[in-house]
Amino acid sequence: MISKISIGTAQFGLDYGISNQRGKVPFSDAENIIELAYSRGIDKLDTASAYGKSEKVLGEIGVKNFKITSKIPTIPSDATNINDFLFRTTESSLVDLKIDKFNCILVHDSYQFFQKKYHDEYIKALVDLKRSNLTTKIGLSVYDPLDDRIMEVINHIDVIQSSFNIFDQRLNQKDLISILNANNIEVHARSIFLQGLLLINRRMIPKKFQKWKNRFNDYHSWLDKNNYSALSACLNFVVNNKNINEVIIGIDTPQQFIEIIESLSSEIFNIPKNLECDDHMLINPSYWDKII
């Protein structure tokens, strides 16, 4: 199961995550996390040029022994050549990371990708990146895995990355994962702790989430009743899903990394149906600033 894990590195370049009290991870901690990961058999990293200086930090640490996924940033409205933009940004990221090739390149802004103005050229440019040997795989990072338009491009891509956690189980709906697997599309799960919200003590949950108080109470009561730690339940629910190919986990400290590794188990968690949520205001962190 450890072979599924990919270290998410957004916090190496940004103040990231609702439960992150330390801000951006110091360089020495980032270096220790990467060294610990490799020593434990983890050889995958997830990053993006939009994550501040994350790619430069990784380049300074030295990550040539890792399989790295990065993401194409939003294309500026004044860009006249999509192919040129994708190649320039990809090559710039390779330089920052001090590597020759990505394991995977994802579209970061799937909303833009599906716009008529960009769609056809975007697909062609992604395929060209792969043919040019700058990446082994191409795919989409999506906010809504149930978007019907995804099915229209599965013949062109290798990977779908989406959020998946105890609250957000949309990947399990409409046989979506089975369809993706049947079409040889890898499924990469991110936000397995819902940016840390699912790990926070119930008394420390920010007041803005009061609207979902009953759901949080049900969640923590289920944990208490079964003597589960939040970390173990959230982690192993996703890692032990046989249809998930890769699990991205953001880590803030070396100690946190050790706690996560020690929490790995083969236990299968049966999640009560009432914990699933389709409310985008809760399960999509990009909406959290809009919660009144």
C-alpha atoms as a PDB file:
ATOM      1  CA  MET A   1       0.000   0.000   0.000  1.00  0.00           C
ATOM      2  CA  ILE A   2       2.913   2.365   0.591  1.00  0.00           C
ATOM      3  CA  SER A   3       3.668   2.175  -3.122  1.00  0.00           C
ATOM      4  CA  LYS A   4       0.440   4.128  -3.757  1.00  0.00           C
ATOM      5  CA  ILE A   5       1.520   7.147  -1.748  1.00  0.00           C
ATOM      6  CA  SER A   6       2.676  10.359  -3.376  1.00  0.00           C
ATOM      7  CA  ILE A   7       3.926  13.274  -1.263  1.00  0.00           C
ATOM      8  CA  GLY A   8       1.932  16.432  -1.958  1.00  0.00           C
ATOM      9  CA  THR A   9       4.189  19.497  -1.876  1.00  0.00           C
ATOM     10  CA  ALA A  10       1.861  22.511  -2.056  1.00  0.00           C
ATOM     11  CA  GLN A  11       2.881  23.480   1.494  1.00  0.00           C
ATOM     12  CA  PHE A  12       6.545  23.508   0.467  1.00  0.00           C
ATOM     13  CA  GLY A  13       5.811  26.712  -1.427  1.00  0.00           C
ATOM     14  CA  LEU A  14       2.579  28.073   0.067  1.00  0.00           C
ATOM     15  CA  ASP A  15       0.690  28.492   3.351  1.00  0.00           C
ATOM     16  CA  TYR A  16      -1.633  25.595   2.545  1.00  0.00           C
ATOM     17  CA  GLY A  17      -4.324  23.700   4.433  1.00  0.00           C
ATOM     18  CA  ILE A  18      -6.931  24.793   6.967  1.00  0.00           C
ATOM     19  CA  SER A  19      -5.212  22.883   9.797  1.00  0.00           C
ATOM     20  CA  ASN A  20      -1.727  24.127   8.932  1.00  0.00           C
ATOM     21  CA  GLN A  21      -0.671  26.380  11.813  1.00  0.00           C
ATOM     22  CA  ARG A  22       3.009  26.717  10.802  1.00  0.00           C
ATOM     23  CA  GLY A  23       2.714  28.250   7.349  1.00  0.00           C
ATOM     24  CA  LYS A  24       5.092  27.250   4.585  1.00  0.00           C
ATOM     25  CA  VAL A  25       7.247  24.240   5.434  1.00  0.00           C
ATOM     26  CA  PRO A  26      10.856  25.296   6.235  1.00  0.00           C
ATOM     27  CA  PHE A  27      13.460  24.050   3.765  1.00  0.00           C
ATOM     28  CA  SER A  28      15.145  21.776   6.314  1.00  0.00           C
ATOM     29  CA  ASP A  29      11.823  20.084   7.135  1.00  0.00           C
ATOM     30  CA  ALA A  30      10.971  19.717   3.443  1.00  0.00           C
ATOM     31  CA  GLU A  31      14.361  18.100   2.864  1.00  0.00           C
ATOM     32  CA  ASN A  32      13.854  15.722   5.797  1.00  0.00           C
ATOM     33  CA  ILE A  33      10.368  14.761   4.588  1.00  0.00           C
ATOM     34  CA  ILE A  34      11.680  13.932   1.112  1.00  0.00           C
ATOM     35  CA  GLU A  35      14.584  11.905   2.542  1.00  0.00           C
ATOM     36  CA  LEU A  36      12.263  10.035   4.928  1.00  0.00           C
ATOM     37  CA  ALA A  37       9.813   9.304   2.129  1.00  0.00           C
ATOM     38  CA  TYR A  38      12.471   7.821  -0.124  1.00  0.00           C
ATOM     39  CA  SER A  39      13.930   5.768   2.726  1.00  0.00           C
ATOM     40  CA  ARG A  40      10.471   4.242   3.306  1.00  0.00           C
ATOM     41  CA  GLY A  41       9.988   3.286  -0.345  1.00  0.00           C
ATOM     42  CA  ILE A  42       7.916   6.270  -1.460  1.00  0.00           C
ATOM     43  CA  ASP A  43       9.131   7.491  -4.833  1.00  0.00           C
ATOM     44  CA  LYS A  44       6.303   9.765  -6.039  1.00  0.00           C
ATOM     45  CA  LEU A  45       5.827  13.522  -5.614  1.00  0.00           C
ATOM     46  CA  ASP A  46       2.978  15.817  -6.600  1.00  0.00           C
ATOM     47  CA  THR A  47       3.688  19.487  -7.273  1.00  0.00           C
ATOM     48  CA  ALA A  48       2.728  22.414  -9.526  1.00  0.00           C
ATOM     49  CA  SER A  49       4.164  25.677 -10.758  1.00  0.00           C
ATOM     50  CA  ALA A  50       1.206  27.347  -9.007  1.00  0.00           C
ATOM     51  CA  TYR A  51       2.509  26.142  -5.625  1.00  0.00           C
ATOM     52  CA  GLY A  52       4.755  29.137  -5.033  1.00  0.00           C
ATOM     53  CA  LYS A  53       8.399  28.054  -4.947  1.00  0.00           C
ATOM     54  CA  SER A  54       7.610  24.372  -4.392  1.00  0.00           C
ATOM     55  CA  GLU A  55       9.288  23.213  -7.612  1.00  0.00           C
ATOM     56  CA  LYS A  56      12.417  25.257  -6.914  1.00  0.00           C
ATOM     57  CA  VAL A  57      12.574  23.877  -3.375  1.00  0.00           C
ATOM     58  CA  LEU A  58      12.325  20.322  -4.689  1.00  0.00           C
ATOM     59  CA  GLY A  59      15.015  21.072  -7.260  1.00  0.00           C
ATOM     60  CA  GLU A  60      17.348  22.264  -4.513  1.00  0.00           C
ATOM     61  CA  ILE A  61      16.645  19.175  -2.422  1.00  0.00           C
ATOM     62  CA  GLY A  62      17.280  16.882  -5.385  1.00  0.00           C
ATOM     63  CA  VAL A  63      14.449  14.683  -6.611  1.00  0.00           C
ATOM     64  CA  LYS A  64      15.858  12.868  -9.652  1.00  0.00           C
ATOM     65  CA  ASN A  65      15.009   9.514  -8.076  1.00  0.00           C
ATOM     66  CA  PHE A  66      11.313  10.381  -7.822  1.00  0.00           C
ATOM     67  CA  LYS A  67       8.414  10.057 -10.242  1.00  0.00           C
ATOM     68  CA  ILE A  68       7.024  13.562 -10.350  1.00  0.00           C
ATOM     69  CA  THR A  69       3.581  14.847 -11.276  1.00  0.00           C
ATOM     70  CA  SER A  70       3.190  18.548 -12.009  1.00  0.00           C
ATOM     71  CA  LYS A  71       0.396  20.697 -13.403  1.00  0.00           C
ATOM     72  CA  ILE A  72      -0.062  23.185 -16.232  1.00  0.00           C
ATOM     73  CA  PRO A  73      -1.137  26.562 -14.800  1.00  0.00           C
ATOM     74  CA  THR A  74      -4.119  28.541 -16.070  1.00  0.00           C
ATOM     75  CA  ILE A  75      -3.432  29.864 -19.562  1.00  0.00           C
ATOM     76  CA  PRO A  76      -3.389  33.706 -19.589  1.00  0.00           C
ATOM     77  CA  SER A  77      -6.241  35.275 -21.539  1.00  0.00           C
ATOM     78  CA  ASP A  78      -3.777  37.066 -23.836  1.00  0.00           C
ATOM     79  CA  ALA A  79      -1.883  33.872 -24.780  1.00  0.00           C
ATOM     80  CA  THR A  80      -1.999  33.417 -28.542  1.00  0.00           C
ATOM     81  CA  ASN A  81      -0.432  29.973 -28.813  1.00  0.00           C
ATOM     82  CA  ILE A  82      -1.604  27.265 -26.406  1.00  0.00           C
ATOM     83  CA  ASN A  83       0.966  24.741 -27.581  1.00  0.00           C
ATOM     84  CA  ASP A  84       3.778  27.208 -26.987  1.00  0.00           C
ATOM     85  CA  PHE A  85       2.466  28.075 -23.509  1.00  0.00           C
ATOM     86  CA  LEU A  86       2.264  24.417 -22.458  1.00  0.00           C
ATOM     87  CA  PHE A  87       5.764  23.657 -23.700  1.00  0.00           C
ATOM     88  CA  ARG A  88       7.303  26.780 -22.110  1.00  0.00           C
ATOM     89  CA  THR A  89       5.714  26.199 -18.714  1.00  0.00           C
ATOM     90  CA  THR A  90       6.555  22.485 -18.740  1.00  0.00           C
ATOM     91  CA  GLU A  91      10.176  23.096 -19.689  1.00  0.00           C
ATOM     92  CA  SER A  92      10.451  25.840 -17.053  1.00  0.00           C
ATOM     93  CA  SER A  93       9.178  23.439 -14.387  1.00  0.00           C
ATOM     94  CA  LEU A  94      11.675  20.787 -15.494  1.00  0.00           C
ATOM     95  CA  VAL A  95      14.465  23.334 -15.115  1.00  0.00           C
ATOM     96  CA  ASP A  96      13.284  24.346 -11.631  1.00  0.00           C
ATOM     97  CA  LEU A  97      13.051  20.696 -10.581  1.00  0.00           C
ATOM     98  CA  LYS A  98      16.376  19.831 -12.226  1.00  0.00           C
ATOM     99  CA  ILE A  99      14.927  16.774 -13.953  1.00  0.00           C
ATOM    100  CA  ASP A 100      14.583  15.730 -17.592  1.00  0.00           C
ATOM    101  CA  LYS A 101      11.065  14.331 -17.713  1.00  0.00           C
ATOM    102  CA  PHE A 102       7.817  14.196 -15.747  1.00  0.00           C
ATOM    103  CA  ASN A 103       6.012  11.030 -14.839  1.00  0.00           C
ATOM    104  CA  CYS A 104       2.757  12.912 -15.347  1.00  0.00           C
ATOM    105  CA  ILE A 105       1.556  16.346 -16.425  1.00  0.00           C
ATOM    106  CA  LEU A 106      -1.963  17.367 -15.419  1.00  0.00           C
ATOM    107  CA  VAL A 107      -4.159  20.272 -16.435  1.00  0.00           C
ATOM    108  CA  HIS A 108      -4.606  22.313 -13.244  1.00  0.00           C
ATOM    109  CA  ASP A 109      -7.564  24.372 -14.484  1.00  0.00           C
ATOM    110  CA  SER A 110     -10.066  21.846 -15.807  1.00  0.00           C
ATOM    111  CA  TYR A 111     -12.736  24.567 -16.071  1.00  0.00           C
ATOM    112  CA  GLN A 112     -10.602  26.330 -18.660  1.00  0.00           C
ATOM    113  CA  PHE A 113      -9.691  23.050 -20.354  1.00  0.00           C
ATOM    114  CA  PHE A 114     -13.336  22.344 -21.185  1.00  0.00           C
ATOM    115  CA  GLN A 115     -14.017  25.812 -22.605  1.00  0.00           C
ATOM    116  CA  LYS A 116     -14.619  25.705 -26.352  1.00  0.00           C
ATOM    117  CA  LYS A 117     -11.957  28.369 -26.900  1.00  0.00           C
ATOM    118  CA  TYR A 118      -9.222  26.114 -25.496  1.00  0.00           C
ATOM    119  CA  HIS A 119     -10.404  22.520 -25.610  1.00  0.00           C
ATOM    120  CA  ASP A 120      -9.200  21.113 -28.950  1.00  0.00           C
ATOM    121  CA  GLU A 121      -5.865  22.920 -28.924  1.00  0.00           C
ATOM    122  CA  TYR A 122      -5.316  21.958 -25.281  1.00  0.00           C
ATOM    123  CA  ILE A 123      -5.741  18.253 -26.019  1.00  0.00           C
ATOM    124  CA  LYS A 124      -3.412  18.461 -29.006  1.00  0.00           C
ATOM    125  CA  ALA A 125      -0.769  20.291 -26.974  1.00  0.00           C
ATOM    126  CA  LEU A 126      -0.935  17.724 -24.153  1.00  0.00           C
ATOM    127  CA  VAL A 127      -0.512  14.872 -26.619  1.00  0.00           C
ATOM    128  CA  ASP A 128       2.440  16.741 -28.164  1.00  0.00           C
ATOM    129  CA  LEU A 129       4.074  17.030 -24.720  1.00  0.00           C
ATOM    130  CA  LYS A 130       3.836  13.281 -24.350  1.00  0.00           C
ATOM    131  CA  ARG A 131       5.120  12.598 -27.868  1.00  0.00           C
ATOM    132  CA  SER A 132       8.035  14.950 -27.226  1.00  0.00           C
ATOM    133  CA  ASN A 133       9.069  12.744 -24.284  1.00  0.00           C
ATOM    134  CA  LEU A 134       8.650  15.511 -21.707  1.00  0.00           C
ATOM    135  CA  THR A 135       6.171  13.386 -19.773  1.00  0.00           C
ATOM    136  CA  THR A 136       5.135   9.747 -19.584  1.00  0.00           C
ATOM    137  CA  LYS A 137       1.463  10.456 -18.815  1.00  0.00           C
ATOM    138  CA  ILE A 138      -1.031  13.293 -19.263  1.00  0.00           C
ATOM    139  CA  GLY A 139      -4.314  13.973 -17.518  1.00  0.00           C
ATOM    140  CA  LEU A 140      -6.705  16.262 -15.678  1.00  0.00           C
ATOM    141  CA  SER A 141      -6.930  17.533 -12.126  1.00  0.00           C
ATOM    142  CA  VAL A 142     -10.680  17.988 -11.608  1.00  0.00           C
ATOM    143  CA  TYR A 143     -12.930  19.538  -8.979  1.00  0.00           C
ATOM    144  CA  ASP A 144     -16.029  17.665 -10.112  1.00  0.00           C
ATOM    145  CA  PRO A 145     -15.306  14.058 -11.102  1.00  0.00           C
ATOM    146  CA  LEU A 146     -18.956  13.628 -12.136  1.00  0.00           C
ATOM    147  CA  ASP A 147     -18.603  16.204 -14.920  1.00  0.00           C
ATOM    148  CA  ASP A 148     -19.951  14.355 -17.984  1.00  0.00           C
ATOM    149  CA  ARG A 149     -17.385  16.052 -20.209  1.00  0.00           C
ATOM    150  CA  ILE A 150     -14.634  13.925 -18.671  1.00  0.00           C
ATOM    151  CA  MET A 151     -16.025  10.905 -20.517  1.00  0.00           C
ATOM    152  CA  GLU A 152     -15.507  12.751 -23.799  1.00  0.00           C
ATOM    153  CA  VAL A 153     -11.720  12.904 -23.352  1.00  0.00           C
ATOM    154  CA  ILE A 154     -10.871   9.553 -21.776  1.00  0.00           C
ATOM    155  CA  ASN A 155      -9.370   8.334 -25.053  1.00  0.00           C
ATOM    156  CA  HIS A 156      -6.790  11.126 -24.893  1.00  0.00           C
ATOM    157  CA  ILE A 157      -5.633  11.020 -21.268  1.00  0.00           C
ATOM    158  CA  ASP A 158      -3.970   8.624 -18.825  1.00  0.00           C
ATOM    159  CA  VAL A 159      -4.831  10.077 -15.404  1.00  0.00           C
ATOM    160  CA  ILE A 160      -7.686  11.711 -13.513  1.00  0.00           C
ATOM    161  CA  GLN A 161      -6.798  13.377 -10.211  1.00  0.00           C
ATOM    162  CA  SER A 162      -9.698  14.245  -7.924  1.00  0.00           C
ATOM    163  CA  SER A 163     -10.565  14.770  -4.287  1.00  0.00           C
ATOM    164  CA  PHE A 164     -11.707  11.665  -2.419  1.00  0.00           C
ATOM    165  CA  ASN A 165     -12.358  11.345   1.287  1.00  0.00           C
ATOM    166  CA  ILE A 166     -14.915  10.182   3.828  1.00  0.00           C
ATOM    167  CA  PHE A 167     -17.192  13.152   3.091  1.00  0.00           C
ATOM    168  CA  ASP A 168     -16.472  13.452  -0.629  1.00  0.00           C
ATOM    169  CA  GLN A 169     -17.134  10.076  -2.231  1.00  0.00           C
ATOM    170  CA  ARG A 170     -18.226  11.265  -5.667  1.00  0.00           C
ATOM    171  CA  LEU A 171     -15.662   8.977  -7.315  1.00  0.00           C
ATOM    172  CA  ASN A 172     -17.732   6.050  -6.012  1.00  0.00           C
ATOM    173  CA  GLN A 173     -20.909   7.299  -7.672  1.00  0.00           C
ATOM    174  CA  LYS A 174     -22.269   6.230 -11.081  1.00  0.00           C
ATOM    175  CA  ASP A 175     -19.636   3.464 -11.300  1.00  0.00           C
ATOM    176  CA  LEU A 176     -17.189   6.226 -12.204  1.00  0.00           C
ATOM    177  CA  ILE A 177     -14.013   4.570 -10.908  1.00  0.00           C
ATOM    178  CA  SER A 178     -14.917   1.291 -12.596  1.00  0.00           C
ATOM    179  CA  ILE A 179     -15.463   3.079 -15.904  1.00  0.00           C
ATOM    180  CA  LEU A 180     -12.154   4.905 -15.617  1.00  0.00           C
ATOM    181  CA  ASN A 181     -10.311   1.707 -14.685  1.00  0.00           C
ATOM    182  CA  ALA A 182     -11.935  -0.144 -17.593  1.00  0.00           C
ATOM    183  CA  ASN A 183     -10.559   2.522 -19.916  1.00  0.00           C
ATOM    184  CA  ASN A 184      -7.068   2.239 -18.415  1.00  0.00           C
ATOM    185  CA  ILE A 185      -7.326   5.663 -16.756  1.00  0.00           C
ATOM    186  CA  GLU A 186      -5.372   5.903 -13.512  1.00  0.00           C
ATOM    187  CA  VAL A 187      -7.237   7.470 -10.582  1.00  0.00           C
ATOM    188  CA  HIS A 188      -5.189   9.671  -8.249  1.00  0.00           C
ATOM    189  CA  ALA A 189      -6.886  10.756  -5.019  1.00  0.00           C
ATOM    190  CA  ARG A 190      -6.098  14.052  -3.316  1.00  0.00           C
ATOM    191  CA  SER A 191      -7.584  15.953  -0.358  1.00  0.00           C
ATOM    192  CA  ILE A 192      -8.023  12.715   1.567  1.00  0.00           C
ATOM    193  CA  PHE A 193      -8.132  14.705   4.829  1.00  0.00           C
ATOM    194  CA  LEU A 194     -10.202  17.509   3.238  1.00  0.00           C
ATOM    195  CA  GLN A 195      -7.243  19.878   3.703  1.00  0.00           C
ATOM    196  CA  GLY A 196      -6.993  18.746   7.319  1.00  0.00           C
ATOM    197  CA  LEU A 197     -10.599  19.535   8.238  1.00  0.00           C
ATOM    198  CA  LEU A 198     -11.348  15.867   8.924  1.00  0.00           C
ATOM    199  CA  LEU A 199      -8.428  15.655  11.354  1.00  0.00           C
ATOM    200  CA  ILE A 200      -9.374  18.629  13.528  1.00  0.00           C
ATOM    201  CA  ASN A 201     -10.818  18.008  16.990  1.00  0.00           C
ATOM    202  CA  ARG A 202     -14.565  18.624  16.790  1.00  0.00           C
ATOM    203  CA  ARG A 203     -14.308  21.469  19.311  1.00  0.00           C
ATOM    204  CA  MET A 204     -11.718  23.221  17.121  1.00  0.00           C
ATOM    205  CA  ILE A 205     -13.630  23.151  13.823  1.00  0.00           C
ATOM    206  CA  PRO A 206     -13.917  26.748  12.529  1.00  0.00           C
ATOM    207  CA  LYS A 207     -17.288  28.397  13.173  1.00  0.00           C
ATOM    208  CA  LYS A 208     -17.845  28.925   9.437  1.00  0.00           C
ATOM    209  CA  PHE A 209     -18.623  25.190   9.176  1.00  0.00           C
ATOM    210  CA  GLN A 210     -21.423  25.374  11.748  1.00  0.00           C
ATOM    211  CA  LYS A 211     -23.956  24.698   8.976  1.00  0.00           C
ATOM    212  CA  TRP A 212     -22.664  21.125   8.817  1.00  0.00           C
ATOM    213  CA  LYS A 213     -22.452  20.646  12.597  1.00  0.00           C
ATOM    214  CA  ASN A 214     -24.622  17.512  12.558  1.00  0.00           C
ATOM    215  CA  ARG A 215     -22.466  15.859   9.902  1.00  0.00           C
ATOM    216  CA  PHE A 216     -19.291  16.561  11.878  1.00  0.00           C
ATOM    217  CA  ASN A 217     -20.941  15.267  15.047  1.00  0.00           C
ATOM    218  CA  ASP A 218     -21.972  12.076  13.245  1.00  0.00           C
ATOM    219  CA  TYR A 219     -18.434  11.683  11.902  1.00  0.00           C
ATOM    220  CA  HIS A 220     -16.728  12.098  15.263  1.00  0.00           C
ATOM    221  CA  SER A 221     -19.316   9.920  17.012  1.00  0.00           C
ATOM    222  CA  TRP A 222     -18.604   7.152  14.484  1.00  0.00           C
ATOM    223  CA  LEU A 223     -14.866   7.513  15.149  1.00  0.00           C
ATOM    224  CA  ASP A 224     -15.382   7.407  18.926  1.00  0.00           C
ATOM    225  CA  LYS A 225     -17.808   4.471  18.809  1.00  0.00           C
ATOM    226  CA  ASN A 226     -15.342   2.353  16.857  1.00  0.00           C
ATOM    227  CA  ASN A 227     -12.224   3.658  18.610  1.00  0.00           C
ATOM    228  CA  TYR A 228     -10.810   4.890  15.305  1.00  0.00           C
ATOM    229  CA  SER A 229      -8.347   7.728  15.044  1.00  0.00           C
ATOM    230  CA  ALA A 230      -9.341  10.298  12.431  1.00  0.00           C
ATOM    231  CA  LEU A 231      -5.942   9.906  10.770  1.00  0.00           C
ATOM    232  CA  SER A 232      -6.201   6.124  10.459  1.00  0.00           C
ATOM    233  CA  ALA A 233      -9.797   6.166   9.213  1.00  0.00           C
ATOM    234  CA  CYS A 234      -9.241   8.854   6.578  1.00  0.00           C
ATOM    235  CA  LEU A 235      -5.936   7.417   5.402  1.00  0.00           C
ATOM    236  CA  ASN A 236      -6.805   3.761   5.142  1.00  0.00           C
ATOM    237  CA  PHE A 237     -10.279   4.348   3.690  1.00  0.00           C
ATOM    238  CA  VAL A 238      -8.579   5.753   0.587  1.00  0.00           C
ATOM    239  CA  VAL A 239      -5.310   3.807   0.465  1.00  0.00           C
ATOM    240  CA  ASN A 240      -7.097   0.456   0.692  1.00  0.00           C
ATOM    241  CA  ASN A 241      -9.506   1.258  -2.119  1.00  0.00           C
ATOM    242  CA  LYS A 242      -8.336  -1.163  -4.815  1.00  0.00           C
ATOM    243  CA  ASN A 243      -9.504   1.180  -7.587  1.00  0.00           C
ATOM    244  CA  ILE A 244      -7.316   4.090  -6.454  1.00  0.00           C
ATOM    245  CA  ASN A 245      -3.897   4.022  -8.118  1.00  0.00           C
ATOM    246  CA  GLU A 246      -2.205   6.873  -6.260  1.00  0.00           C
ATOM    247  CA  VAL A 247      -2.908   8.782  -3.043  1.00  0.00           C
ATOM    248  CA  ILE A 248      -1.527  12.305  -2.634  1.00  0.00           C
ATOM    249  CA  ILE A 249      -0.785  13.224   0.974  1.00  0.00           C
ATOM    250  CA  GLY A 250       0.383  16.678   2.017  1.00  0.00           C
ATOM    251  CA  ILE A 251       2.832  16.603   4.926  1.00  0.00           C
ATOM    252  CA  ASP A 252       3.896  19.565   7.081  1.00  0.00           C
ATOM    253  CA  THR A 253       6.560  18.042   9.344  1.00  0.00           C
ATOM    254  CA  PRO A 254       8.833  14.980   9.485  1.00  0.00           C
ATOM    255  CA  GLN A 255       6.987  13.866  12.634  1.00  0.00           C
ATOM    256  CA  GLN A 256       3.685  14.066  10.804  1.00  0.00           C
ATOM    257  CA  PHE A 257       5.144  11.869   8.060  1.00  0.00           C
ATOM    258  CA  ILE A 258       6.123   9.232  10.639  1.00  0.00           C
ATOM    259  CA  GLU A 259       2.634   9.343  12.199  1.00  0.00           C
ATOM    260  CA  ILE A 260       1.058   8.791   8.788  1.00  0.00           C
ATOM    261  CA  ILE A 261       3.314   5.861   7.949  1.00  0.00           C
ATOM    262  CA  GLU A 262       2.675   4.274  11.344  1.00  0.00           C
ATOM    263  CA  SER A 263      -1.086   4.677  10.806  1.00  0.00           C
ATOM    264  CA  LEU A 264      -1.103   2.651   7.595  1.00  0.00           C
ATOM    265  CA  SER A 265      -2.926  -0.649   7.906  1.00  0.00           C
ATOM    266  CA  SER A 266      -4.871  -3.093   5.769  1.00  0.00           C
ATOM    267  CA  GLU A 267      -8.103  -2.437   7.666  1.00  0.00           C
ATOM    268  CA  ILE A 268     -11.145  -1.841   5.469  1.00  0.00           C
ATOM    269  CA  PHE A 269     -13.411   0.908   6.781  1.00  0.00           C
ATOM    270  CA  ASN A 270     -17.145   0.751   6.105  1.00  0.00           C
ATOM    271  CA  ILE A 271     -18.233   4.367   6.084  1.00  0.00           C
ATOM    272  CA  PRO A 272     -21.799   5.132   7.234  1.00  0.00           C
ATOM    273  CA  LYS A 273     -23.897   6.445   4.348  1.00  0.00           C
ATOM    274  CA  ASN A 274     -24.891   9.556   6.294  1.00  0.00           C
ATOM    275  CA  LEU A 275     -21.299  10.838   6.243  1.00  0.00           C
ATOM    276  CA  GLU A 276     -21.232  11.224   2.456  1.00  0.00           C
ATOM    277  CA  CYS A 277     -21.844  14.766   1.260  1.00  0.00           C
ATOM    278  CA  ASP A 278     -22.553  16.303  -2.155  1.00  0.00           C
ATOM    279  CA  ASP A 279     -22.579  19.911  -0.926  1.00  0.00           C
ATOM    280  CA  HIS A 280     -19.821  21.633  -2.912  1.00  0.00           C
ATOM    281  CA  MET A 281     -19.581  24.383  -0.308  1.00  0.00           C
ATOM    282  CA  LEU A 282     -18.199  21.831   2.141  1.00  0.00           C
ATOM    283  CA  ILE A 283     -16.348  19.302  -0.008  1.00  0.00           C
ATOM    284  CA  ASN A 284     -14.681  21.798  -2.372  1.00  0.00           C
ATOM    285  CA  PRO A 285     -12.191  23.964  -0.438  1.00  0.00           C
ATOM    286  CA  SER A 286     -12.117  26.530  -3.260  1.00  0.00           C
ATOM    287  CA  TYR A 287     -15.591  27.589  -2.039  1.00  0.00           C
ATOM    288  CA  TRP A 288     -14.681  27.959   1.622  1.00  0.00           C
ATOM    289  CA  ASP A 289     -13.954  31.682   1.353  1.00  0.00           C
ATOM    290  CA  LYS A 290     -17.558  32.155   0.219  1.00  0.00           C
ATOM    291  CA  ILE A 291     -19.108  30.520   3.277  1.00  0.00           C
ATOM    292  CA  ILE A 292     -21.012  33.116   5.275  1.00  0.00           C
END
